C-alpha atoms as a PDB file:
ATOM      1  CA  MET A   1       2.067  -1.945 -21.253  1.00  0.00           C
ATOM      2  CA  THR A   2      -1.443  -1.068 -20.078  1.00  0.00           C
ATOM      3  CA  ASP A   3      -3.055  -2.697 -23.098  1.00  0.00           C
ATOM      4  CA  ASP A   4      -1.026  -5.885 -22.679  1.00  0.00           C
ATOM      5  CA  HIS A   5      -1.428  -5.965 -18.881  1.00  0.00           C
ATOM      6  CA  PRO A   6      -4.769  -4.352 -17.963  1.00  0.00           C
ATOM      7  CA  PHE A   7      -4.371  -5.400 -14.302  1.00  0.00           C
ATOM      8  CA  HIS A   8      -1.109  -4.482 -12.600  1.00  0.00           C
ATOM      9  CA  VAL A   9       0.395  -2.629  -9.657  1.00  0.00           C
ATOM     10  CA  ARG A  10       3.188  -0.052  -9.710  1.00  0.00           C
ATOM     11  CA  PHE A  11       5.197   0.905  -6.639  1.00  0.00           C
ATOM     12  CA  TRP A  12       5.809   4.611  -6.045  1.00  0.00           C
ATOM     13  CA  GLY A  13       6.959   4.169  -2.450  1.00  0.00           C
ATOM     14  CA  VAL A  14       8.106   0.989  -0.696  1.00  0.00           C
ATOM     15  CA  ARG A  15       9.515   2.210   2.654  1.00  0.00           C
ATOM     16  CA  GLY A  16       7.961   2.332   6.084  1.00  0.00           C
ATOM     17  CA  SER A  17       8.331   4.684   9.061  1.00  0.00           C
ATOM     18  CA  ILE A  18      10.279   7.468   7.350  1.00  0.00           C
ATOM     19  CA  ALA A  19      11.602   8.289   3.894  1.00  0.00           C
ATOM     20  CA  THR A  20      15.274   7.521   3.340  1.00  0.00           C
ATOM     21  CA  THR A  21      17.786   9.022   0.957  1.00  0.00           C
ATOM     22  CA  GLY A  22      21.381   8.290   0.114  1.00  0.00           C
ATOM     23  CA  PRO A  23      23.574   5.963  -1.913  1.00  0.00           C
ATOM     24  CA  ASP A  24      22.503   2.855   0.017  1.00  0.00           C
ATOM     25  CA  THR A  25      18.817   3.078  -0.997  1.00  0.00           C
ATOM     26  CA  LEU A  26      19.019   4.114  -4.648  1.00  0.00           C
ATOM     27  CA  ARG A  27      18.043   0.804  -6.234  1.00  0.00           C
ATOM     28  CA  TYR A  28      15.047  -0.103  -4.070  1.00  0.00           C
ATOM     29  CA  GLY A  29      14.001   3.471  -3.375  1.00  0.00           C
ATOM     30  CA  GLY A  30      13.468   5.604  -0.299  1.00  0.00           C
ATOM     31  CA  ASN A  31       9.899   6.932  -0.576  1.00  0.00           C
ATOM     32  CA  THR A  32       7.191   5.816   1.834  1.00  0.00           C
ATOM     33  CA  THR A  33       4.135   3.817   0.885  1.00  0.00           C
ATOM     34  CA  CYS A  34       2.174   4.551  -2.266  1.00  0.00           C
ATOM     35  CA  LEU A  35       0.888   2.057  -4.842  1.00  0.00           C
ATOM     36  CA  GLU A  36      -0.840   2.634  -8.152  1.00  0.00           C
ATOM     37  CA  MET A  37      -3.128  -0.161  -9.308  1.00  0.00           C
ATOM     38  CA  ARG A  38      -4.635  -0.280 -12.788  1.00  0.00           C
ATOM     39  CA  CYS A  39      -7.754  -2.362 -13.277  1.00  0.00           C
ATOM     40  CA  GLY A  40      -8.564  -1.821 -16.938  1.00  0.00           C
ATOM     41  CA  PRO A  41      -9.882   1.769 -17.109  1.00  0.00           C
ATOM     42  CA  HIS A  42      -9.929   2.195 -13.330  1.00  0.00           C
ATOM     43  CA  LEU A  43      -7.184   3.820 -11.250  1.00  0.00           C
ATOM     44  CA  LEU A  44      -6.830   2.742  -7.619  1.00  0.00           C
ATOM     45  CA  ILE A  45      -4.247   4.316  -5.312  1.00  0.00           C
ATOM     46  CA  PHE A  46      -3.209   2.883  -1.985  1.00  0.00           C
ATOM     47  CA  ASP A  47      -1.789   5.209   0.673  1.00  0.00           C
ATOM     48  CA  ALA A  48      -0.350   8.681   0.368  1.00  0.00           C
ATOM     49  CA  GLY A  49       3.215   8.422   1.608  1.00  0.00           C
ATOM     50  CA  THR A  50       5.965  10.479   0.004  1.00  0.00           C
ATOM     51  CA  GLY A  51       5.738   8.325  -3.132  1.00  0.00           C
ATOM     52  CA  ILE A  52       2.373   9.835  -4.053  1.00  0.00           C
ATOM     53  CA  ARG A  53       4.103  13.038  -5.155  1.00  0.00           C
ATOM     54  CA  LEU A  54       5.866  11.130  -7.943  1.00  0.00           C
ATOM     55  CA  LEU A  55       2.608   9.452  -8.968  1.00  0.00           C
ATOM     56  CA  GLY A  56       0.896  12.843  -9.082  1.00  0.00           C
ATOM     57  CA  ALA A  57       3.623  14.257 -11.288  1.00  0.00           C
ATOM     58  CA  ALA A  58       3.277  11.319 -13.683  1.00  0.00           C
ATOM     59  CA  LEU A  59      -0.501  11.770 -13.887  1.00  0.00           C
ATOM     60  CA  GLU A  60      -0.147  15.526 -14.360  1.00  0.00           C
ATOM     61  CA  ALA A  61       2.298  14.978 -17.235  1.00  0.00           C
ATOM     62  CA  VAL A  62      -0.413  13.090 -19.145  1.00  0.00           C
ATOM     63  CA  GLY A  63      -2.597  16.185 -18.968  1.00  0.00           C
ATOM     64  CA  ASP A  64      -5.975  14.471 -18.565  1.00  0.00           C
ATOM     65  CA  PRO A  65      -8.222  14.948 -15.529  1.00  0.00           C
ATOM     66  CA  THR A  66      -7.638  12.330 -12.847  1.00  0.00           C
ATOM     67  CA  THR A  67     -10.479  10.085 -11.711  1.00  0.00           C
ATOM     68  CA  ALA A  68      -9.350   7.693  -8.995  1.00  0.00           C
ATOM     69  CA  ASP A  69     -10.110   5.924  -5.748  1.00  0.00           C
ATOM     70  CA  LEU A  70      -7.541   6.473  -2.986  1.00  0.00           C
ATOM     71  CA  PHE A  71      -7.617   3.793  -0.275  1.00  0.00           C
ATOM     72  CA  PHE A  72      -5.841   4.265   3.039  1.00  0.00           C
ATOM     73  CA  THR A  73      -4.466   1.276   4.945  1.00  0.00           C
ATOM     74  CA  HIS A  74      -4.227   3.641   7.932  1.00  0.00           C
ATOM     75  CA  THR A  75      -3.276   7.227   8.683  1.00  0.00           C
ATOM     76  CA  HIS A  76       0.100   7.080  10.411  1.00  0.00           C
ATOM     77  CA  ILE A  77       2.333   9.877   9.211  1.00  0.00           C
ATOM     78  CA  ASP A  78       4.464   7.810   6.817  1.00  0.00           C
ATOM     79  CA  HIS A  79       1.299   6.795   4.938  1.00  0.00           C
ATOM     80  CA  VAL A  80      -0.246  10.277   4.617  1.00  0.00           C
ATOM     81  CA  VAL A  81       2.650  12.752   4.615  1.00  0.00           C
ATOM     82  CA  GLY A  82       2.658  13.043   0.816  1.00  0.00           C
ATOM     83  CA  PHE A  83      -1.066  13.762   0.621  1.00  0.00           C
ATOM     84  CA  PRO A  84      -0.833  17.583   0.251  1.00  0.00           C
ATOM     85  CA  PHE A  85       1.714  17.208  -2.560  1.00  0.00           C
ATOM     86  CA  PHE A  86      -0.450  15.085  -4.888  1.00  0.00           C
ATOM     87  CA  ALA A  87      -0.799  17.275  -7.985  1.00  0.00           C
ATOM     88  CA  PRO A  88      -4.302  16.119  -9.046  1.00  0.00           C
ATOM     89  CA  PHE A  89      -5.738  17.557  -5.822  1.00  0.00           C
ATOM     90  CA  HIS A  90      -4.792  20.981  -7.183  1.00  0.00           C
ATOM     91  CA  ASP A  91      -6.657  20.414 -10.467  1.00  0.00           C
ATOM     92  CA  LYS A  92     -10.346  21.305 -10.168  1.00  0.00           C
ATOM     93  CA  ARG A  93     -11.140  18.787 -12.930  1.00  0.00           C
ATOM     94  CA  SER A  94     -10.054  15.841 -10.746  1.00  0.00           C
ATOM     95  CA  ARG A  95     -12.562  13.531  -9.103  1.00  0.00           C
ATOM     96  CA  ILE A  96     -11.010  11.432  -6.353  1.00  0.00           C
ATOM     97  CA  SER A  97     -12.790   9.319  -3.730  1.00  0.00           C
ATOM     98  CA  LEU A  98     -10.963   8.815  -0.421  1.00  0.00           C
ATOM     99  CA  TRP A  99     -11.668   5.533   1.380  1.00  0.00           C
ATOM    100  CA  GLU A 100     -10.864   4.514   4.968  1.00  0.00           C
ATOM    101  CA  GLY A 101     -12.106   1.731   7.220  1.00  0.00           C
ATOM    102  CA  HIS A 102      -9.979   1.962  10.362  1.00  0.00           C
ATOM    103  CA  LEU A 103     -10.713   5.222  12.189  1.00  0.00           C
ATOM    104  CA  GLY A 104     -13.843   4.149  14.064  1.00  0.00           C
ATOM    105  CA  PRO A 105     -16.883   6.307  14.827  1.00  0.00           C
ATOM    106  CA  ASP A 106     -15.138   9.172  16.619  1.00  0.00           C
ATOM    107  CA  LEU A 107     -12.714  10.236  13.882  1.00  0.00           C
ATOM    108  CA  THR A 108     -13.121  11.191  10.241  1.00  0.00           C
ATOM    109  CA  LEU A 109     -10.582  11.042   7.460  1.00  0.00           C
ATOM    110  CA  GLY A 110     -11.210  14.698   6.678  1.00  0.00           C
ATOM    111  CA  GLY A 111     -10.545  15.570  10.285  1.00  0.00           C
ATOM    112  CA  VAL A 112      -7.287  13.634  10.400  1.00  0.00           C
ATOM    113  CA  LEU A 113      -5.983  15.037   7.104  1.00  0.00           C
ATOM    114  CA  GLY A 114      -7.195  18.468   8.136  1.00  0.00           C
ATOM    115  CA  CYS A 115      -4.954  18.309  11.210  1.00  0.00           C
ATOM    116  CA  LEU A 116      -2.008  17.419   8.973  1.00  0.00           C
ATOM    117  CA  MET A 117      -2.723  20.508   6.872  1.00  0.00           C
ATOM    118  CA  THR A 118      -3.167  22.980   9.732  1.00  0.00           C
ATOM    119  CA  ALA A 119      -0.828  25.822  10.686  1.00  0.00           C
ATOM    120  CA  PRO A 120       1.892  25.734  11.843  1.00  0.00           C
ATOM    121  CA  LEU A 121       2.388  22.295  10.261  1.00  0.00           C
ATOM    122  CA  PHE A 122       1.280  23.256   6.741  1.00  0.00           C
ATOM    123  CA  PRO A 123       0.409  26.566   5.085  1.00  0.00           C
ATOM    124  CA  VAL A 124      -2.484  25.421   2.848  1.00  0.00           C
ATOM    125  CA  PRO A 125      -5.673  24.161   4.561  1.00  0.00           C
ATOM    126  CA  LEU A 126      -7.410  21.006   3.430  1.00  0.00           C
ATOM    127  CA  ARG A 127     -10.540  22.918   2.429  1.00  0.00           C
ATOM    128  CA  GLY A 128      -8.588  24.300  -0.523  1.00  0.00           C
ATOM    129  CA  LEU A 129      -8.405  20.778  -1.997  1.00  0.00           C
ATOM    130  CA  GLU A 130     -11.780  19.326  -1.060  1.00  0.00           C
ATOM    131  CA  ARG A 131     -13.539  20.642  -4.165  1.00  0.00           C
ATOM    132  CA  CYS A 132     -12.290  17.609  -6.123  1.00  0.00           C
ATOM    133  CA  MET A 133     -12.673  14.857  -3.516  1.00  0.00           C
ATOM    134  CA  ASP A 134     -15.312  12.964  -1.591  1.00  0.00           C
ATOM    135  CA  TYR A 135     -15.001  10.778   1.503  1.00  0.00           C
ATOM    136  CA  ARG A 136     -16.092   7.133   1.629  1.00  0.00           C
ATOM    137  CA  LYS A 137     -16.111   5.625   5.120  1.00  0.00           C
ATOM    138  CA  PHE A 138     -16.491   1.859   5.642  1.00  0.00           C
ATOM    139  CA  THR A 139     -15.761  -0.739   8.292  1.00  0.00           C
ATOM    140  CA  ALA A 140     -12.804  -3.068   7.738  1.00  0.00           C
ATOM    141  CA  GLY A 141     -14.296  -6.411   6.781  1.00  0.00           C
ATOM    142  CA  GLN A 142     -16.773  -5.021   4.277  1.00  0.00           C
ATOM    143  CA  VAL A 143     -16.782  -5.833   0.566  1.00  0.00           C
ATOM    144  CA  LEU A 144     -16.631  -2.677  -1.560  1.00  0.00           C
ATOM    145  CA  GLU A 145     -17.515  -1.953  -5.171  1.00  0.00           C
ATOM    146  CA  PRO A 146     -15.819   1.380  -5.896  1.00  0.00           C
ATOM    147  CA  ARG A 147     -16.569   1.081  -9.622  1.00  0.00           C
ATOM    148  CA  PRO A 148     -19.088  -1.150 -11.416  1.00  0.00           C
ATOM    149  CA  GLY A 149     -17.749  -4.695 -11.539  1.00  0.00           C
ATOM    150  CA  LEU A 150     -14.631  -3.900  -9.506  1.00  0.00           C
ATOM    151  CA  ILE A 151     -14.602  -5.746  -6.165  1.00  0.00           C
ATOM    152  CA  VAL A 152     -12.405  -4.724  -3.232  1.00  0.00           C
ATOM    153  CA  ARG A 153     -12.478  -6.988  -0.192  1.00  0.00           C
ATOM    154  CA  THR A 154     -11.178  -5.718   3.148  1.00  0.00           C
ATOM    155  CA  CYS A 155     -10.138  -6.956   6.585  1.00  0.00           C
ATOM    156  CA  PRO A 156      -8.867  -5.405   9.829  1.00  0.00           C
ATOM    157  CA  LEU A 157      -5.134  -5.493  10.545  1.00  0.00           C
ATOM    158  CA  ASN A 158      -3.239  -5.818  13.825  1.00  0.00           C
ATOM    159  CA  HIS A 159      -1.607  -2.395  14.071  1.00  0.00           C
ATOM    160  CA  PRO A 160      -1.631   0.420  16.653  1.00  0.00           C
ATOM    161  CA  ASN A 161      -4.644   2.699  15.946  1.00  0.00           C
ATOM    162  CA  GLY A 162      -6.013   0.150  13.483  1.00  0.00           C
ATOM    163  CA  GLY A 163      -5.465  -0.637   9.821  1.00  0.00           C
ATOM    164  CA  THR A 164      -7.118  -2.187   6.786  1.00  0.00           C
ATOM    165  CA  GLY A 165      -5.950  -4.901   4.419  1.00  0.00           C
ATOM    166  CA  TYR A 166      -7.225  -4.988   0.836  1.00  0.00           C
ATOM    167  CA  ARG A 167      -7.825  -7.591  -1.850  1.00  0.00           C
ATOM    168  CA  VAL A 168      -8.667  -6.389  -5.357  1.00  0.00           C
ATOM    169  CA  ASP A 169     -10.309  -8.905  -7.680  1.00  0.00           C
ATOM    170  CA  TYR A 170     -10.471  -7.984 -11.341  1.00  0.00           C
ATOM    171  CA  ALA A 171     -10.899 -10.051 -14.502  1.00  0.00           C
ATOM    172  CA  GLY A 172     -10.543 -13.285 -12.564  1.00  0.00           C
ATOM    173  CA  ARG A 173      -7.223 -12.300 -10.944  1.00  0.00           C
ATOM    174  CA  SER A 174      -6.311 -10.908  -7.530  1.00  0.00           C
ATOM    175  CA  ILE A 175      -3.764  -8.589  -5.905  1.00  0.00           C
ATOM    176  CA  CYS A 176      -3.671  -8.028  -2.117  1.00  0.00           C
ATOM    177  CA  LEU A 177      -2.063  -5.346   0.049  1.00  0.00           C
ATOM    178  CA  ILE A 178      -1.421  -6.306   3.682  1.00  0.00           C
ATOM    179  CA  THR A 179       0.435  -3.515   5.499  1.00  0.00           C
ATOM    180  CA  ASP A 180       0.932  -2.573   8.368  1.00  0.00           C
ATOM    181  CA  THR A 181       0.207  -5.621  10.542  1.00  0.00           C
ATOM    182  CA  GLU A 182       1.781  -7.839  13.189  1.00  0.00           C
ATOM    183  CA  HIS A 183       1.500 -11.607  12.996  1.00  0.00           C
ATOM    184  CA  PRO A 184       0.365 -13.672  16.013  1.00  0.00           C
ATOM    185  CA  ALA A 185       2.905 -15.401  18.206  1.00  0.00           C
ATOM    186  CA  LEU A 186       1.543 -18.802  17.177  1.00  0.00           C
ATOM    187  CA  GLY A 187      -0.116 -19.849  13.953  1.00  0.00           C
ATOM    188  CA  ARG A 188      -1.406 -17.494  11.274  1.00  0.00           C
ATOM    189  CA  ASP A 189      -3.778 -14.557  11.385  1.00  0.00           C
ATOM    190  CA  GLU A 190      -6.821 -16.383  10.045  1.00  0.00           C
ATOM    191  CA  THR A 191      -8.637 -13.179   9.106  1.00  0.00           C
ATOM    192  CA  ILE A 192      -5.783 -12.173   6.833  1.00  0.00           C
ATOM    193  CA  ALA A 193      -5.324 -15.739   5.586  1.00  0.00           C
ATOM    194  CA  ASP A 194      -8.971 -15.848   4.536  1.00  0.00           C
ATOM    195  CA  LEU A 195      -8.609 -12.549   2.667  1.00  0.00           C
ATOM    196  CA  VAL A 196      -5.500 -13.544   0.698  1.00  0.00           C
ATOM    197  CA  ARG A 197      -6.323 -17.218   0.146  1.00  0.00           C
ATOM    198  CA  GLY A 198      -5.480 -18.282  -3.398  1.00  0.00           C
ATOM    199  CA  ALA A 199      -4.396 -14.771  -4.402  1.00  0.00           C
ATOM    200  CA  ASP A 200      -2.056 -14.239  -7.316  1.00  0.00           C
ATOM    201  CA  VAL A 201      -0.049 -11.496  -5.573  1.00  0.00           C
ATOM    202  CA  MET A 202       0.176 -10.574  -1.876  1.00  0.00           C
ATOM    203  CA  ILE A 203       2.116  -7.425  -1.007  1.00  0.00           C
ATOM    204  CA  TYR A 204       3.030  -7.863   2.657  1.00  0.00           C
ATOM    205  CA  ASP A 205       4.481  -5.856   5.535  1.00  0.00           C
ATOM    206  CA  ALA A 206       7.979  -7.299   5.938  1.00  0.00           C
ATOM    207  CA  THR A 207       9.553  -4.535   8.009  1.00  0.00           C
ATOM    208  CA  TYR A 208      11.570  -7.010  10.079  1.00  0.00           C
ATOM    209  CA  SER A 209      13.260 -10.374   9.832  1.00  0.00           C
ATOM    210  CA  ASP A 210      12.527 -13.153  12.287  1.00  0.00           C
ATOM    211  CA  ALA A 211      15.923 -12.444  13.852  1.00  0.00           C
ATOM    212  CA  ASP A 212      15.232  -8.799  14.702  1.00  0.00           C
ATOM    213  CA  TYR A 213      11.474  -9.078  15.313  1.00  0.00           C
ATOM    214  CA  ALA A 214      12.002 -10.168  18.939  1.00  0.00           C
ATOM    215  CA  GLU A 215      13.110  -6.624  19.791  1.00  0.00           C
ATOM    216  CA  HIS A 216       9.979  -5.130  18.192  1.00  0.00           C
ATOM    217  CA  VAL A 217       7.099  -7.240  19.505  1.00  0.00           C
ATOM    218  CA  GLY A 218       4.010  -5.053  19.809  1.00  0.00           C
ATOM    219  CA  TRP A 219       5.171  -2.471  17.276  1.00  0.00           C
ATOM    220  CA  GLY A 220       2.587  -3.606  14.718  1.00  0.00           C
ATOM    221  CA  HIS A 221       4.797  -5.029  11.972  1.00  0.00           C
ATOM    222  CA  SER A 222       5.726  -8.420  10.561  1.00  0.00           C
ATOM    223  CA  THR A 223       8.675 -10.191   8.907  1.00  0.00           C
ATOM    224  CA  TRP A 224       9.660 -11.334   5.452  1.00  0.00           C
ATOM    225  CA  GLU A 225       9.795 -14.941   6.650  1.00  0.00           C
ATOM    226  CA  GLU A 226       6.208 -14.624   7.919  1.00  0.00           C
ATOM    227  CA  ALA A 227       5.205 -13.359   4.478  1.00  0.00           C
ATOM    228  CA  LEU A 228       6.436 -16.635   2.993  1.00  0.00           C
ATOM    229  CA  ARG A 229       4.827 -18.764   5.697  1.00  0.00           C
ATOM    230  CA  LEU A 230       1.503 -17.008   5.166  1.00  0.00           C
ATOM    231  CA  ALA A 231       1.821 -17.409   1.394  1.00  0.00           C
ATOM    232  CA  ASP A 232       2.421 -21.153   1.781  1.00  0.00           C
ATOM    233  CA  TYR A 233      -0.447 -21.499   4.245  1.00  0.00           C
ATOM    234  CA  ALA A 234      -2.955 -19.551   2.139  1.00  0.00           C
ATOM    235  CA  GLY A 235      -1.837 -20.671  -1.320  1.00  0.00           C
ATOM    236  CA  VAL A 236      -0.545 -17.292  -2.516  1.00  0.00           C
ATOM    237  CA  ARG A 237       1.482 -17.542  -5.711  1.00  0.00           C
ATOM    238  CA  HIS A 238       3.633 -14.430  -5.403  1.00  0.00           C
ATOM    239  CA  PRO A 239       4.377 -12.916  -1.987  1.00  0.00           C
ATOM    240  CA  VAL A 240       5.933  -9.459  -2.351  1.00  0.00           C
ATOM    241  CA  ILE A 241       8.168  -8.258   0.488  1.00  0.00           C
ATOM    242  CA  PHE A 242       7.292  -4.635   1.206  1.00  0.00           C
ATOM    243  CA  HIS A 243       7.371  -1.723   3.695  1.00  0.00           C
ATOM    244  CA  HIS A 244      11.137  -1.902   4.072  1.00  0.00           C
ATOM    245  CA  ALA A 245      12.602  -0.591   7.317  1.00  0.00           C
ATOM    246  CA  PRO A 246      14.595   2.666   6.923  1.00  0.00           C
ATOM    247  CA  GLU A 247      17.848   0.907   7.827  1.00  0.00           C
ATOM    248  CA  ARG A 248      17.452  -1.756   5.113  1.00  0.00           C
ATOM    249  CA  THR A 249      20.110  -1.010   2.507  1.00  0.00           C
ATOM    250  CA  ASP A 250      19.996  -2.142  -1.108  1.00  0.00           C
ATOM    251  CA  ASP A 251      22.581  -4.829  -0.369  1.00  0.00           C
ATOM    252  CA  MET A 252      20.551  -6.098   2.577  1.00  0.00           C
ATOM    253  CA  LEU A 253      17.421  -6.255   0.430  1.00  0.00           C
ATOM    254  CA  ASP A 254      19.361  -8.119  -2.268  1.00  0.00           C
ATOM    255  CA  GLY A 255      20.222 -10.706   0.383  1.00  0.00           C
ATOM    256  CA  ILE A 256      16.608 -10.965   1.518  1.00  0.00           C
ATOM    257  CA  ALA A 257      15.466 -11.344  -2.098  1.00  0.00           C
ATOM    258  CA  ALA A 258      17.857 -14.236  -2.711  1.00  0.00           C
ATOM    259  CA  ALA A 259      16.889 -15.982   0.536  1.00  0.00           C
ATOM    260  CA  ALA A 260      13.169 -15.478  -0.143  1.00  0.00           C
ATOM    261  CA  ARG A 261      13.370 -16.886  -3.681  1.00  0.00           C
ATOM    262  CA  ALA A 262      15.238 -19.932  -2.376  1.00  0.00           C
ATOM    263  CA  ARG A 263      12.351 -20.640   0.005  1.00  0.00           C
ATOM    264  CA  HIS A 264       9.470 -19.577  -2.256  1.00  0.00           C
ATOM    265  CA  PRO A 265      10.329 -19.345  -5.987  1.00  0.00           C
ATOM    266  CA  GLY A 266       7.513 -16.860  -6.622  1.00  0.00           C
ATOM    267  CA  ALA A 267       8.684 -14.374  -3.988  1.00  0.00           C
ATOM    268  CA  LEU A 268       9.637 -10.807  -4.928  1.00  0.00           C
ATOM    269  CA  VAL A 269      11.002  -7.763  -3.124  1.00  0.00           C
ATOM    270  CA  ALA A 270       9.284  -4.482  -3.957  1.00  0.00           C
ATOM    271  CA  ARG A 271      11.291  -1.723  -5.635  1.00  0.00           C
ATOM    272  CA  GLU A 272      10.238   1.826  -6.323  1.00  0.00           C
ATOM    273  CA  GLY A 273       9.105   2.160  -9.956  1.00  0.00           C
ATOM    274  CA  GLN A 274       8.563  -1.583 -10.347  1.00  0.00           C
ATOM    275  CA  VAL A 275       5.419  -2.895 -12.056  1.00  0.00           C
ATOM    276  CA  ILE A 276       4.110  -6.362 -11.161  1.00  0.00           C
ATOM    277  CA  THR A 277       1.360  -8.291 -12.948  1.00  0.00           C
ATOM    278  CA  PRO A 278      -0.806 -11.015 -11.361  1.00  0.00           C
ATOM    279  CA  ASP A 279       1.493 -13.575 -12.984  1.00  0.00           C
ATOM    280  CA  GLY A 280       4.428 -12.209 -11.000  1.00  0.00           C
ATOM    281  CA  GLU A 281       5.923 -10.723 -14.131  1.00  0.00           C
ATOM    282  CA  VAL A 282       8.095  -7.690 -13.369  1.00  0.00           C
ATOM    283  CA  LEU A 283       7.910  -4.915 -15.947  1.00  0.00           C
END
């Protein structure tokens, strides 16, 4: 698969807010946000929700040292809670760069993750893992080059405590991750629209529907209908509905998928374990 599709994204966690388990979430999955992106020889990881444990296990099973760049959209608990359970952090051969662009000048990523891994919340301190990682701070809006020839564009998101959206351009193709963010009351968020314009794939925060969004104004999330409107406005080929609310059952997501495809034939709904190429091919 990697040889045939050198640029693709795999979903290890597609939920927001809190992990969910049970018979109603088996098909789409219940882990919180974590994405694996392969850009030829380069491994990019986005967010460290509960899904990152499964990614770590898969990398550990290969047996090779892990070299990767881990980008955080933000550091709310559902996006970092899996961080201590990522197996490559416990392998001294690993080399992993941690990137964040939302915390501002008064906070550091190491400080935030260190609080997560402090007694009585967690028994192992962060300093036990730092031998294999380095921190890369930036300001949302910058253009990054984490590896030679690999371009990652960024923008700020509208979310409590801040957030960062990402666009990865590789081999003439593009995949974007826009989560967590709230759309404006009128029009589009032009900063986000500029970032995703003409993208092949846009993975978008669709926690709500238009119908239930009215009860959640100001919570920092968007809707699946807004994902399609933004895709039409910015010329995105394949909008991917993502960051599913905990109460979204498999049957509900099936309904959203059918409605989304009827309105935008290239639309997809993210499932745990799913691989998507820039052509919208699901593997």
